[in-house]
PDB file of all heavy atoms in Angstrom:
ATOM      1  N   GLU A   1     -23.788  18.605 -62.362  1.00  0.00           N
ATOM      2  CA  GLU A   1     -23.171  18.571 -63.677  1.00  0.00           C
ATOM      3  C   GLU A   1     -22.617  17.181 -63.992  1.00  0.00           C
ATOM      4  O   GLU A   1     -22.663  16.745 -65.143  1.00  0.00           O
ATOM      5  CB  GLU A   1     -22.058  19.611 -63.761  1.00  0.00           C
ATOM      6  CG  GLU A   1     -21.452  19.774 -65.144  1.00  0.00           C
ATOM      7  CD  GLU A   1     -22.408  20.410 -66.119  1.00  0.00           C
ATOM      8  OE1 GLU A   1     -23.296  21.154 -65.673  1.00  0.00           O
ATOM      9  OE2 GLU A   1     -22.272  20.172 -67.335  1.00  0.00           O
ATOM     10  N   SER A   2     -22.159  16.491 -62.985  1.00  0.00           N
ATOM     11  CA  SER A   2     -21.537  15.196 -63.188  1.00  0.00           C
ATOM     12  C   SER A   2     -22.505  14.110 -63.642  1.00  0.00           C
ATOM     13  O   SER A   2     -22.068  13.065 -64.128  1.00  0.00           O
ATOM     14  CB  SER A   2     -20.830  14.745 -61.904  1.00  0.00           C
ATOM     15  OG  SER A   2     -21.756  14.604 -60.844  1.00  0.00           O
ATOM     16  N   VAL A   3     -23.802  14.332 -63.475  1.00  0.00           N
ATOM     17  CA  VAL A   3     -24.776  13.306 -63.845  1.00  0.00           C
ATOM     18  C   VAL A   3     -25.640  13.709 -65.024  1.00  0.00           C
ATOM     19  O   VAL A   3     -26.463  12.903 -65.481  1.00  0.00           O
ATOM     20  CB  VAL A   3     -25.684  12.926 -62.651  1.00  0.00           C
ATOM     21  CG1 VAL A   3     -24.845  12.547 -61.439  1.00  0.00           C
ATOM     22  CG2 VAL A   3     -26.642  14.061 -62.315  1.00  0.00           C
ATOM     23  N   LYS A   4     -25.474  14.901 -65.526  1.00  0.00           N
ATOM     24  CA  LYS A   4     -26.268  15.344 -66.666  1.00  0.00           C
ATOM     25  C   LYS A   4     -26.030  14.432 -67.862  1.00  0.00           C
ATOM     26  O   LYS A   4     -24.903  14.083 -68.183  1.00  0.00           O
ATOM     27  CB  LYS A   4     -25.924  16.786 -67.023  1.00  0.00           C
ATOM     28  CG  LYS A   4     -26.437  17.804 -66.026  1.00  0.00           C
ATOM     29  CD  LYS A   4     -26.123  19.228 -66.466  1.00  0.00           C
ATOM     30  CE  LYS A   4     -26.684  20.238 -65.484  1.00  0.00           C
ATOM     31  NZ  LYS A   4     -26.364  21.633 -65.877  1.00  0.00           N
ATOM     32  N   GLY A   5     -27.126  14.059 -68.502  1.00  0.00           N
ATOM     33  CA  GLY A   5     -27.044  13.169 -69.641  1.00  0.00           C
ATOM     34  C   GLY A   5     -27.058  11.706 -69.274  1.00  0.00           C
ATOM     35  O   GLY A   5     -27.189  10.852 -70.155  1.00  0.00           O
ATOM     36  N   ARG A   6     -26.922  11.404 -67.985  1.00  0.00           N
ATOM     37  CA  ARG A   6     -26.914  10.018 -67.536  1.00  0.00           C
ATOM     38  C   ARG A   6     -28.068   9.703 -66.583  1.00  0.00           C
ATOM     39  O   ARG A   6     -28.610   8.602 -66.623  1.00  0.00           O
ATOM     40  CB  ARG A   6     -25.592   9.684 -66.846  1.00  0.00           C
ATOM     41  CG  ARG A   6     -24.368   9.860 -67.738  1.00  0.00           C
ATOM     42  CD  ARG A   6     -23.111   9.328 -67.067  1.00  0.00           C
ATOM     43  NE  ARG A   6     -22.803  10.049 -65.836  1.00  0.00           N
ATOM     44  CZ  ARG A   6     -22.797   9.495 -64.620  1.00  0.00           C
ATOM     45  NH1 ARG A   6     -23.083   8.200 -64.485  1.00  0.00           N
ATOM     46  NH2 ARG A   6     -22.485  10.214 -63.558  1.00  0.00           N
ATOM     47  N   PHE A   7     -28.414  10.648 -65.735  1.00  0.00           N
ATOM     48  CA  PHE A   7     -29.490  10.461 -64.768  1.00  0.00           C
ATOM     49  C   PHE A   7     -30.705  11.269 -65.188  1.00  0.00           C
ATOM     50  O   PHE A   7     -30.576  12.383 -65.721  1.00  0.00           O
ATOM     51  CB  PHE A   7     -29.061  10.915 -63.374  1.00  0.00           C
ATOM     52  CG  PHE A   7     -27.998  10.070 -62.729  1.00  0.00           C
ATOM     53  CD1 PHE A   7     -27.345   9.065 -63.419  1.00  0.00           C
ATOM     54  CD2 PHE A   7     -27.660  10.302 -61.402  1.00  0.00           C
ATOM     55  CE1 PHE A   7     -26.363   8.297 -62.815  1.00  0.00           C
ATOM     56  CE2 PHE A   7     -26.683   9.539 -60.784  1.00  0.00           C
ATOM     57  CZ  PHE A   7     -26.034   8.538 -61.490  1.00  0.00           C
ATOM     58  N   THR A   8     -31.869  10.726 -64.924  1.00  0.00           N
ATOM     59  CA  THR A   8     -33.114  11.411 -65.226  1.00  0.00           C
ATOM     60  C   THR A   8     -34.027  11.354 -64.016  1.00  0.00           C
ATOM     61  O   THR A   8     -34.295  10.274 -63.494  1.00  0.00           O
ATOM     62  CB  THR A   8     -33.830  10.778 -66.426  1.00  0.00           C
ATOM     63  OG1 THR A   8     -32.967  10.797 -67.571  1.00  0.00           O
ATOM     64  CG2 THR A   8     -35.101  11.557 -66.751  1.00  0.00           C
ATOM     65  N   ILE A   9     -34.491  12.505 -63.588  1.00  0.00           N
ATOM     66  CA  ILE A   9     -35.389  12.557 -62.449  1.00  0.00           C
ATOM     67  C   ILE A   9     -36.809  12.787 -62.946  1.00  0.00           C
ATOM     68  O   ILE A   9     -37.035  13.515 -63.913  1.00  0.00           O
ATOM     69  CB  ILE A   9     -34.970  13.650 -61.446  1.00  0.00           C
ATOM     70  CG1 ILE A   9     -35.771  13.523 -60.153  1.00  0.00           C
ATOM     71  CG2 ILE A   9     -35.103  15.041 -62.051  1.00  0.00           C
ATOM     72  CD1 ILE A   9     -35.215  14.363 -59.011  1.00  0.00           C
ATOM     73  N   SER A  10     -37.748  12.150 -62.301  1.00  0.00           N
ATOM     74  CA  SER A  10     -39.151  12.308 -62.638  1.00  0.00           C
ATOM     75  C   SER A  10     -39.972  12.171 -61.367  1.00  0.00           C
ATOM     76  O   SER A  10     -39.478  11.694 -60.344  1.00  0.00           O
ATOM     77  CB  SER A  10     -39.590  11.278 -63.682  1.00  0.00           C
ATOM     78  OG  SER A  10     -39.440   9.959 -63.194  1.00  0.00           O
ATOM     79  N   GLU A  11     -41.215  12.575 -61.451  1.00  0.00           N
ATOM     80  CA  GLU A  11     -42.064  12.502 -60.282  1.00  0.00           C
ATOM     81  C   GLU A  11     -43.494  12.156 -60.661  1.00  0.00           C
ATOM     82  O   GLU A  11     -43.921  12.363 -61.789  1.00  0.00           O
ATOM     83  CB  GLU A  11     -42.034  13.826 -59.500  1.00  0.00           C
ATOM     84  CG  GLU A  11     -42.439  15.056 -60.308  1.00  0.00           C
ATOM     85  CD  GLU A  11     -43.934  15.265 -60.373  1.00  0.00           C
ATOM     86  OE1 GLU A  11     -44.628  14.828 -59.431  1.00  0.00           O
ATOM     87  OE2 GLU A  11     -44.415  15.862 -61.356  1.00  0.00           O
ATOM     88  N   ASN A  12     -44.183  11.619 -59.702  1.00  0.00           N
ATOM     89  CA  ASN A  12     -45.598  11.345 -59.825  1.00  0.00           C
ATOM     90  C   ASN A  12     -46.265  12.052 -58.656  1.00  0.00           C
ATOM     91  O   ASN A  12     -46.268  11.552 -57.531  1.00  0.00           O
ATOM     92  CB  ASN A  12     -45.881   9.847 -59.796  1.00  0.00           C
ATOM     93  CG  ASN A  12     -47.333   9.522 -60.074  1.00  0.00           C
ATOM     94  OD1 ASN A  12     -48.232  10.260 -59.683  1.00  0.00           O
ATOM     95  ND2 ASN A  12     -47.573   8.409 -60.748  1.00  0.00           N
ATOM     96  N   GLY A  13     -46.794  13.222 -58.927  1.00  0.00           N
ATOM     97  CA  GLY A  13     -47.367  14.035 -57.865  1.00  0.00           C
ATOM     98  C   GLY A  13     -48.512  13.362 -57.143  1.00  0.00           C
ATOM     99  O   GLY A  13     -48.644  13.492 -55.922  1.00  0.00           O
ATOM    100  N   ALA A  14     -49.337  12.648 -57.872  1.00  0.00           N
ATOM    101  CA  ALA A  14     -50.482  11.992 -57.260  1.00  0.00           C
ATOM    102  C   ALA A  14     -50.061  10.927 -56.265  1.00  0.00           C
ATOM    103  O   ALA A  14     -50.777  10.641 -55.306  1.00  0.00           O
ATOM    104  CB  ALA A  14     -51.378  11.387 -58.332  1.00  0.00           C
ATOM    105  N   LYS A  15     -48.904  10.328 -56.484  1.00  0.00           N
ATOM    106  CA  LYS A  15     -48.410   9.273 -55.607  1.00  0.00           C
ATOM    107  C   LYS A  15     -47.310   9.757 -54.665  1.00  0.00           C
ATOM    108  O   LYS A  15     -46.740   8.959 -53.925  1.00  0.00           O
ATOM    109  CB  LYS A  15     -47.891   8.104 -56.438  1.00  0.00           C
ATOM    110  CG  LYS A  15     -48.952   7.432 -57.292  1.00  0.00           C
ATOM    111  CD  LYS A  15     -48.381   6.256 -58.060  1.00  0.00           C
ATOM    112  CE  LYS A  15     -49.449   5.571 -58.893  1.00  0.00           C
ATOM    113  NZ  LYS A  15     -48.893   4.408 -59.649  1.00  0.00           N
ATOM    114  N   ASN A  16     -47.017  11.053 -54.715  1.00  0.00           N
ATOM    115  CA  ASN A  16     -45.957  11.623 -53.881  1.00  0.00           C
ATOM    116  C   ASN A  16     -44.658  10.839 -54.023  1.00  0.00           C
ATOM    117  O   ASN A  16     -43.998  10.506 -53.038  1.00  0.00           O
ATOM    118  CB  ASN A  16     -46.386  11.664 -52.413  1.00  0.00           C
ATOM    119  CG  ASN A  16     -47.581  12.561 -52.176  1.00  0.00           C
ATOM    120  OD1 ASN A  16     -47.761  13.566 -52.857  1.00  0.00           O
ATOM    121  ND2 ASN A  16     -48.402  12.202 -51.198  1.00  0.00           N
ATOM    122  N   THR A  17     -44.304  10.561 -55.252  1.00  0.00           N
ATOM    123  CA  THR A  17     -43.159   9.719 -55.540  1.00  0.00           C
ATOM    124  C   THR A  17     -42.193  10.420 -56.483  1.00  0.00           C
ATOM    125  O   THR A  17     -42.611  11.104 -57.420  1.00  0.00           O
ATOM    126  CB  THR A  17     -43.614   8.396 -56.174  1.00  0.00           C
ATOM    127  OG1 THR A  17     -44.477   7.705 -55.266  1.00  0.00           O
ATOM    128  CG2 THR A  17     -42.425   7.503 -56.489  1.00  0.00           C
ATOM    129  N   VAL A  18     -40.919  10.237 -56.223  1.00  0.00           N
ATOM    130  CA  VAL A  18     -39.888  10.737 -57.114  1.00  0.00           C
ATOM    131  C   VAL A  18     -39.005   9.564 -57.519  1.00  0.00           C
ATOM    132  O   VAL A  18     -38.716   8.681 -56.707  1.00  0.00           O
ATOM    133  CB  VAL A  18     -39.056  11.857 -56.454  1.00  0.00           C
ATOM    134  CG1 VAL A  18     -38.310  11.339 -55.225  1.00  0.00           C
ATOM    135  CG2 VAL A  18     -38.087  12.465 -57.460  1.00  0.00           C
ATOM    136  N   ASN A  19     -38.616   9.553 -58.783  1.00  0.00           N
ATOM    137  CA  ASN A  19     -37.787   8.482 -59.310  1.00  0.00           C
ATOM    138  C   ASN A  19     -36.509   9.060 -59.887  1.00  0.00           C
ATOM    139  O   ASN A  19     -36.482  10.177 -60.402  1.00  0.00           O
ATOM    140  CB  ASN A  19     -38.530   7.711 -60.397  1.00  0.00           C
ATOM    141  CG  ASN A  19     -39.826   7.107 -59.902  1.00  0.00           C
ATOM    142  OD1 ASN A  19     -39.836   6.335 -58.946  1.00  0.00           O
ATOM    143  ND2 ASN A  19     -40.932   7.452 -60.551  1.00  0.00           N
ATOM    144  N   LEU A  20     -35.468   8.277 -59.804  1.00  0.00           N
ATOM    145  CA  LEU A  20     -34.190   8.657 -60.391  1.00  0.00           C
ATOM    146  C   LEU A  20     -33.688   7.489 -61.226  1.00  0.00           C
ATOM    147  O   LEU A  20     -33.273   6.467 -60.680  1.00  0.00           O
ATOM    148  CB  LEU A  20     -33.175   9.022 -59.314  1.00  0.00           C
ATOM    149  CG  LEU A  20     -31.829   9.543 -59.827  1.00  0.00           C
ATOM    150  CD1 LEU A  20     -32.003  10.901 -60.500  1.00  0.00           C
ATOM    151  CD2 LEU A  20     -30.819   9.636 -58.690  1.00  0.00           C
ATOM    152  N   GLN A  21     -33.761   7.648 -62.528  1.00  0.00           N
ATOM    153  CA  GLN A  21     -33.239   6.646 -63.441  1.00  0.00           C
ATOM    154  C   GLN A  21     -31.770   6.937 -63.671  1.00  0.00           C
ATOM    155  O   GLN A  21     -31.413   8.013 -64.163  1.00  0.00           O
ATOM    156  CB  GLN A  21     -34.001   6.668 -64.764  1.00  0.00           C
ATOM    157  CG  GLN A  21     -33.501   5.674 -65.800  1.00  0.00           C
ATOM    158  CD  GLN A  21     -33.729   4.243 -65.386  1.00  0.00           C
ATOM    159  OE1 GLN A  21     -34.779   3.919 -64.844  1.00  0.00           O
ATOM    160  NE2 GLN A  21     -32.746   3.387 -65.631  1.00  0.00           N
ATOM    161  N   MET A  22     -30.923   6.000 -63.312  1.00  0.00           N
ATOM    162  CA  MET A  22     -29.489   6.181 -63.411  1.00  0.00           C
ATOM    163  C   MET A  22     -28.941   5.229 -64.466  1.00  0.00           C
ATOM    164  O   MET A  22     -28.970   4.011 -64.291  1.00  0.00           O
ATOM    165  CB  MET A  22     -28.812   5.933 -62.061  1.00  0.00           C
ATOM    166  CG  MET A  22     -29.362   6.804 -60.935  1.00  0.00           C
ATOM    167  SD  MET A  22     -28.440   6.632 -59.381  1.00  0.00           S
ATOM    168  CE  MET A  22     -28.818   4.920 -58.980  1.00  0.00           C
ATOM    169  N   ASP A  23     -28.453   5.791 -65.537  1.00  0.00           N
ATOM    170  CA  ASP A  23     -27.882   5.024 -66.632  1.00  0.00           C
ATOM    171  C   ASP A  23     -26.402   5.348 -66.768  1.00  0.00           C
ATOM    172  O   ASP A  23     -25.913   6.352 -66.260  1.00  0.00           O
ATOM    173  CB  ASP A  23     -28.609   5.325 -67.944  1.00  0.00           C
ATOM    174  CG  ASP A  23     -30.072   4.939 -67.927  1.00  0.00           C
ATOM    175  OD1 ASP A  23     -30.397   3.868 -67.371  1.00  0.00           O
ATOM    176  OD2 ASP A  23     -30.893   5.699 -68.484  1.00  0.00           O
ATOM    177  N   SER A  24     -25.716   4.494 -67.487  1.00  0.00           N
ATOM    178  CA  SER A  24     -24.282   4.684 -67.714  1.00  0.00           C
ATOM    179  C   SER A  24     -23.541   4.955 -66.412  1.00  0.00           C
ATOM    180  O   SER A  24     -22.745   5.892 -66.297  1.00  0.00           O
ATOM    181  CB  SER A  24     -24.056   5.833 -68.703  1.00  0.00           C
ATOM    182  OG  SER A  24     -24.690   5.577 -69.938  1.00  0.00           O
ATOM    183  N   LEU A  25     -23.810   4.130 -65.440  1.00  0.00           N
ATOM    184  CA  LEU A  25     -23.236   4.325 -64.118  1.00  0.00           C
ATOM    185  C   LEU A  25     -21.715   4.236 -64.141  1.00  0.00           C
ATOM    186  O   LEU A  25     -21.129   3.468 -64.913  1.00  0.00           O
ATOM    187  CB  LEU A  25     -23.800   3.295 -63.142  1.00  0.00           C
ATOM    188  CG  LEU A  25     -25.228   3.572 -62.669  1.00  0.00           C
ATOM    189  CD1 LEU A  25     -25.824   2.325 -62.027  1.00  0.00           C
ATOM    190  CD2 LEU A  25     -25.245   4.730 -61.679  1.00  0.00           C
ATOM    191  N   LYS A  26     -21.118   5.025 -63.279  1.00  0.00           N
ATOM    192  CA  LYS A  26     -19.679   5.061 -63.126  1.00  0.00           C
ATOM    193  C   LYS A  26     -19.320   4.756 -61.681  1.00  0.00           C
ATOM    194  O   LYS A  26     -20.111   4.996 -60.775  1.00  0.00           O
ATOM    195  CB  LYS A  26     -19.131   6.437 -63.495  1.00  0.00           C
ATOM    196  CG  LYS A  26     -19.452   6.891 -64.904  1.00  0.00           C
ATOM    197  CD  LYS A  26     -18.936   8.305 -65.141  1.00  0.00           C
ATOM    198  CE  LYS A  26     -19.239   8.780 -66.547  1.00  0.00           C
ATOM    199  NZ  LYS A  26     -18.743  10.166 -66.776  1.00  0.00           N
ATOM    200  N   PRO A  27     -18.125   4.245 -61.441  1.00  0.00           N
ATOM    201  CA  PRO A  27     -17.715   3.986 -60.055  1.00  0.00           C
ATOM    202  C   PRO A  27     -17.817   5.225 -59.164  1.00  0.00           C
ATOM    203  O   PRO A  27     -18.096   5.102 -57.968  1.00  0.00           O
ATOM    204  CB  PRO A  27     -16.261   3.524 -60.202  1.00  0.00           C
ATOM    205  CG  PRO A  27     -16.231   2.874 -61.556  1.00  0.00           C
ATOM    206  CD  PRO A  27     -17.138   3.729 -62.408  1.00  0.00           C
ATOM    207  N   GLU A  28     -17.626   6.405 -59.719  1.00  0.00           N
ATOM    208  CA  GLU A  28     -17.714   7.632 -58.950  1.00  0.00           C
ATOM    209  C   GLU A  28     -19.130   7.936 -58.480  1.00  0.00           C
ATOM    210  O   GLU A  28     -19.329   8.820 -57.644  1.00  0.00           O
ATOM    211  CB  GLU A  28     -17.187   8.817 -59.768  1.00  0.00           C
ATOM    212  CG  GLU A  28     -18.018   9.130 -61.001  1.00  0.00           C
ATOM    213  CD  GLU A  28     -17.362  10.159 -61.905  1.00  0.00           C
ATOM    214  OE1 GLU A  28     -16.309   9.820 -62.501  1.00  0.00           O
ATOM    215  OE2 GLU A  28     -17.869  11.287 -62.004  1.00  0.00           O
ATOM    216  N   ASP A  29     -20.116   7.219 -59.001  1.00  0.00           N
ATOM    217  CA  ASP A  29     -21.494   7.379 -58.547  1.00  0.00           C
ATOM    218  C   ASP A  29     -21.752   6.640 -57.239  1.00  0.00           C
ATOM    219  O   ASP A  29     -22.823   6.789 -56.651  1.00  0.00           O
ATOM    220  CB  ASP A  29     -22.472   6.880 -59.608  1.00  0.00           C
ATOM    221  CG  ASP A  29     -22.429   7.695 -60.881  1.00  0.00           C
ATOM    222  OD1 ASP A  29     -22.338   8.932 -60.788  1.00  0.00           O
ATOM    223  OD2 ASP A  29     -22.487   7.091 -61.975  1.00  0.00           O
ATOM    224  N   THR A  30     -20.810   5.855 -56.805  1.00  0.00           N
ATOM    225  CA  THR A  30     -20.953   5.097 -55.569  1.00  0.00           C
ATOM    226  C   THR A  30     -21.149   6.023 -54.373  1.00  0.00           C
ATOM    227  O   THR A  30     -20.463   7.035 -54.231  1.00  0.00           O
ATOM    228  CB  THR A  30     -19.725   4.211 -55.336  1.00  0.00           C
ATOM    229  OG1 THR A  30     -19.659   3.214 -56.362  1.00  0.00           O
ATOM    230  CG2 THR A  30     -19.799   3.513 -53.986  1.00  0.00           C
ATOM    231  N   GLY A  31     -22.088   5.666 -53.530  1.00  0.00           N
ATOM    232  CA  GLY A  31     -22.339   6.449 -52.340  1.00  0.00           C
ATOM    233  C   GLY A  31     -23.688   6.112 -51.743  1.00  0.00           C
ATOM    234  O   GLY A  31     -24.418   5.261 -52.246  1.00  0.00           O
ATOM    235  N   VAL A  32     -24.006   6.786 -50.671  1.00  0.00           N
ATOM    236  CA  VAL A  32     -25.311   6.652 -50.052  1.00  0.00           C
ATOM    237  C   VAL A  32     -26.209   7.740 -50.613  1.00  0.00           C
ATOM    238  O   VAL A  32     -25.868   8.924 -50.556  1.00  0.00           O
ATOM    239  CB  VAL A  32     -25.238   6.758 -48.520  1.00  0.00           C
ATOM    240  CG1 VAL A  32     -26.633   6.640 -47.911  1.00  0.00           C
ATOM    241  CG2 VAL A  32     -24.323   5.676 -47.955  1.00  0.00           C
ATOM    242  N   TYR A  33     -27.332   7.335 -51.145  1.00  0.00           N
ATOM    243  CA  TYR A  33     -28.276   8.261 -51.752  1.00  0.00           C
ATOM    244  C   TYR A  33     -29.433   8.511 -50.792  1.00  0.00           C
ATOM    245  O   TYR A  33     -30.043   7.574 -50.280  1.00  0.00           O
ATOM    246  CB  TYR A  33     -28.798   7.701 -53.073  1.00  0.00           C
ATOM    247  CG  TYR A  33     -27.798   7.797 -54.202  1.00  0.00           C
ATOM    248  CD1 TYR A  33     -26.609   7.072 -54.168  1.00  0.00           C
ATOM    249  CD2 TYR A  33     -28.035   8.617 -55.302  1.00  0.00           C
ATOM    250  CE1 TYR A  33     -25.685   7.173 -55.183  1.00  0.00           C
ATOM    251  CE2 TYR A  33     -27.120   8.723 -56.328  1.00  0.00           C
ATOM    252  CZ  TYR A  33     -25.943   7.998 -56.265  1.00  0.00           C
ATOM    253  OH  TYR A  33     -25.029   8.103 -57.292  1.00  0.00           O
ATOM    254  N   TYR A  34     -29.714   9.779 -50.580  1.00  0.00           N
ATOM    255  CA  TYR A  34     -30.751  10.182 -49.645  1.00  0.00           C
ATOM    256  C   TYR A  34     -31.888  10.873 -50.381  1.00  0.00           C
ATOM    257  O   TYR A  34     -31.658  11.841 -51.114  1.00  0.00           O
ATOM    258  CB  TYR A  34     -30.201  11.135 -48.588  1.00  0.00           C
ATOM    259  CG  TYR A  34     -29.127  10.538 -47.711  1.00  0.00           C
ATOM    260  CD1 TYR A  34     -27.789  10.636 -48.052  1.00  0.00           C
ATOM    261  CD2 TYR A  34     -29.469   9.878 -46.535  1.00  0.00           C
ATOM    262  CE1 TYR A  34     -26.804  10.090 -47.247  1.00  0.00           C
ATOM    263  CE2 TYR A  34     -28.493   9.337 -45.724  1.00  0.00           C
ATOM    264  CZ  TYR A  34     -27.157   9.444 -46.083  1.00  0.00           C
ATOM    265  OH  TYR A  34     -26.185   8.906 -45.277  1.00  0.00           O
ATOM    266  N   CYS A  35     -33.075  10.397 -50.168  1.00  0.00           N
ATOM    267  CA  CYS A  35     -34.247  11.074 -50.698  1.00  0.00           C
ATOM    268  C   CYS A  35     -34.509  12.336 -49.890  1.00  0.00           C
ATOM    269  O   CYS A  35     -34.308  12.367 -48.670  1.00  0.00           O
ATOM    270  CB  CYS A  35     -35.456  10.150 -50.642  1.00  0.00           C
ATOM    271  SG  CYS A  35     -36.967  10.872 -51.327  1.00  0.00           S
ATOM    272  N   TYR A  36     -34.958  13.347 -50.580  1.00  0.00           N
ATOM    273  CA  TYR A  36     -35.199  14.653 -49.979  1.00  0.00           C
ATOM    274  C   TYR A  36     -36.553  15.178 -50.430  1.00  0.00           C
ATOM    275  O   TYR A  36     -36.929  15.038 -51.599  1.00  0.00           O
ATOM    276  CB  TYR A  36     -34.076  15.607 -50.394  1.00  0.00           C
ATOM    277  CG  TYR A  36     -34.449  17.067 -50.428  1.00  0.00           C
ATOM    278  CD1 TYR A  36     -34.342  17.861 -49.287  1.00  0.00           C
ATOM    279  CD2 TYR A  36     -34.892  17.653 -51.604  1.00  0.00           C
ATOM    280  CE1 TYR A  36     -34.666  19.204 -49.324  1.00  0.00           C
ATOM    281  CE2 TYR A  36     -35.219  19.001 -51.645  1.00  0.00           C
ATOM    282  CZ  TYR A  36     -35.103  19.769 -50.507  1.00  0.00           C
ATOM    283  OH  TYR A  36     -35.423  21.098 -50.552  1.00  0.00           O
ATOM    284  N   VAL A  37     -37.268  15.780 -49.511  1.00  0.00           N
ATOM    285  CA  VAL A  37     -38.533  16.406 -49.856  1.00  0.00           C
ATOM    286  C   VAL A  37     -38.682  17.691 -49.055  1.00  0.00           C
ATOM    287  O   VAL A  37     -38.305  17.753 -47.880  1.00  0.00           O
ATOM    288  CB  VAL A  37     -39.726  15.457 -49.591  1.00  0.00           C
ATOM    289  CG1 VAL A  37     -39.806  15.055 -48.116  1.00  0.00           C
ATOM    290  CG2 VAL A  37     -41.035  16.095 -50.025  1.00  0.00           C
ATOM    291  N   ARG A  38     -39.170  18.694 -49.722  1.00  0.00           N
ATOM    292  CA  ARG A  38     -39.448  19.960 -49.046  1.00  0.00           C
ATOM    293  C   ARG A  38     -40.953  20.187 -49.028  1.00  0.00           C
ATOM    294  O   ARG A  38     -41.604  20.190 -50.077  1.00  0.00           O
ATOM    295  CB  ARG A  38     -38.740  21.123 -49.725  1.00  0.00           C
ATOM    296  CG  ARG A  38     -39.185  22.488 -49.200  1.00  0.00           C
ATOM    297  CD  ARG A  38     -38.222  23.584 -49.547  1.00  0.00           C
ATOM    298  NE  ARG A  38     -37.005  23.477 -48.749  1.00  0.00           N
ATOM    299  CZ  ARG A  38     -36.093  24.439 -48.656  1.00  0.00           C
ATOM    300  NH1 ARG A  38     -36.257  25.564 -49.320  1.00  0.00           N
ATOM    301  NH2 ARG A  38     -35.007  24.260 -47.916  1.00  0.00           N
ATOM    302  N   ILE A  39     -41.476  20.383 -47.843  1.00  0.00           N
ATOM    303  CA  ILE A  39     -42.893  20.628 -47.634  1.00  0.00           C
ATOM    304  C   ILE A  39     -43.041  21.845 -46.738  1.00  0.00           C
ATOM    305  O   ILE A  39     -42.557  21.848 -45.606  1.00  0.00           O
ATOM    306  CB  ILE A  39     -43.605  19.424 -46.998  1.00  0.00           C
ATOM    307  CG1 ILE A  39     -43.436  18.178 -47.870  1.00  0.00           C
ATOM    308  CG2 ILE A  39     -45.084  19.721 -46.792  1.00  0.00           C
ATOM    309  CD1 ILE A  39     -44.013  16.921 -47.261  1.00  0.00           C
ATOM    310  N   ASP A  40     -43.673  22.855 -47.245  1.00  0.00           N
ATOM    311  CA  ASP A  40     -43.944  24.064 -46.471  1.00  0.00           C
ATOM    312  C   ASP A  40     -42.675  24.595 -45.797  1.00  0.00           C
ATOM    313  O   ASP A  40     -42.636  24.820 -44.582  1.00  0.00           O
ATOM    314  CB  ASP A  40     -45.024  23.787 -45.429  1.00  0.00           C
ATOM    315  CG  ASP A  40     -45.556  25.050 -44.796  1.00  0.00           C
ATOM    316  OD1 ASP A  40     -45.484  26.123 -45.428  1.00  0.00           O
ATOM    317  OD2 ASP A  40     -46.059  24.964 -43.655  1.00  0.00           O
ATOM    318  N   ARG A  41     -41.640  24.756 -46.585  1.00  0.00           N
ATOM    319  CA  ARG A  41     -40.370  25.327 -46.158  1.00  0.00           C
ATOM    320  C   ARG A  41     -39.601  24.457 -45.167  1.00  0.00           C
ATOM    321  O   ARG A  41     -38.634  24.929 -44.555  1.00  0.00           O
ATOM    322  CB  ARG A  41     -40.569  26.725 -45.566  1.00  0.00           C
ATOM    323  CG  ARG A  41     -41.288  27.701 -46.487  1.00  0.00           C
ATOM    324  CD  ARG A  41     -41.381  29.083 -45.876  1.00  0.00           C
ATOM    325  NE  ARG A  41     -41.960  29.052 -44.533  1.00  0.00           N
ATOM    326  CZ  ARG A  41     -43.258  29.006 -44.278  1.00  0.00           C
ATOM    327  NH1 ARG A  41     -44.122  28.977 -45.283  1.00  0.00           N
ATOM    328  NH2 ARG A  41     -43.690  28.981 -43.025  1.00  0.00           N
TER     329      ARG A  41
END
């Protein structure tokens, strides 16, 4: 909820890539960001 309207997630299935566009960044967004993928459970 804290990032709705500011962050946009998208993917390119053919390239197995996910992107996160982060706009209107706030200091509270500071942290370590970890990519996550689920494959076959």
